Amino acid sequence: VAARARARVPRANPRALGRRAPRSRGAVSSGAAADDRATDFADASVIANNAASLDGKLRTLVVGVEDAQGDERLNHRNPTSGTLFKQRRWLDDYVVPGQQVTLVDLDSGKQVTLPVSVSPYRARATAPNADVSVVEFLVDADSDDGDENFFAKTQPPARLVVSRVHGSGFENPLFPKDFNLKAAVDAGHALVLLAGGARGIGPMRAALEWPVVASHADKHPVTLFYLHAGARQSNGASSAFVQEWDEWRAAGVAVVPLYGEKTQSGDAGDTTSENSSDATSNALSDASSAVLAVRTAIAGGAAAEFGGKGRKVLGDDPSLVTVLMAGLTREETKTMFAVFADTHRVPKSNIIALPETRASGAKKK
């Protein structure tokens, strides 16, 4: 069945998916391993499609990935060398928040690449012997990409194949070993998370619920700025994971929602203008508003209403601050980088933007 399912995958995009890489029983280079992760697909199905926002436009897609094949072959003895090796399970490739997965619908061939919004280990902890890994993704029914809209409407038991987990999460690509989320926590850094819309808050949720960060927030400043948290007049109805904000705040995280939406052109604003100059003006205006809100929070400390417990957003030493960004527009990324690096003297190496993920049909913004 698995072989027949994979044979249908090229309907989606043969060049994007490639062929299933052969399993190697010997040592492989890191490059070969990365290529294997990018082209190896597993059978999966949609378990649930739940509302992630009160208005139902943001959806949590719950996917079950078959790990039975790997579990059945955990121990296999090579008859020639007698070497004992372990067949990796699908979830073994999930290591840090910010990693992503490509989903392909078998019937339509539509595909989308999305960041993981909750660790697959969370469900595994309650059922360690299960033959399915459960993983969640945040999808936007109002996305300007048709394929993402398709997945926002997908219901159980839709059949999928999914890539292995890929990407390295929040890390500085020039110095990945020294400047990453785990290293920042180990060094006792204050954490500032800048999430833009659905593509930003999804991986940030995974970061906030990562045990490493959750325990860190109890002793060090951790602040989430949620940009484009929905329309200003929605009163939070179009924001994602509102029910979880109180849990994050109770853990010590300051959650600061900044309302306003992205226009269809990909810039910030509450409405989409047919006039490109108006759209640009909206983008700069909302980017400026976001910067002002961030600067105000930094100057006054995260207010108690946001759950910051009176701590300074940047702590006492700007060199001990790490800034994570995901889902921001180009203008916002550039502006926020300047705010933290130039104005507040946060080392540039400590400002990390998650590589952009994009649905297959999305237009470059």
Foldseek 3Di string as FASTA:
>chain_A
DFVVLQVLLCVQPCVQQPAQDDDDPDDDDPVVVQVNLRRHKFKKWWPFWAQQFLVRQKIKTKMKTFQQVQVVPQWDADVPPRDTHGRDGLLVPDDAFLWWKKKAFSPNSFIFIAGWQARLVVVCVVPVPDRIGITIGMAGCPAPFPSSVVSSPDGPGGIIMMGRTDDDGWAQPVCRVCAGDLNLLVLLFQEEEEAEPRRRNRSVNHNLPPVSNLQSLQPHHYEYEYEQQDAPVPVNRSGGNPVCQVVSLVSQYQYHYDHFHAENVRATGNYHDPDVVVNVVRRVVSLVVSLVVVVVCQVQPRDVVRSNVRAHSRHDDLQSYAYEYTDHDPVNLVVVLCCSCVVVNRDSNRYTYRPHTTGPRDDDD
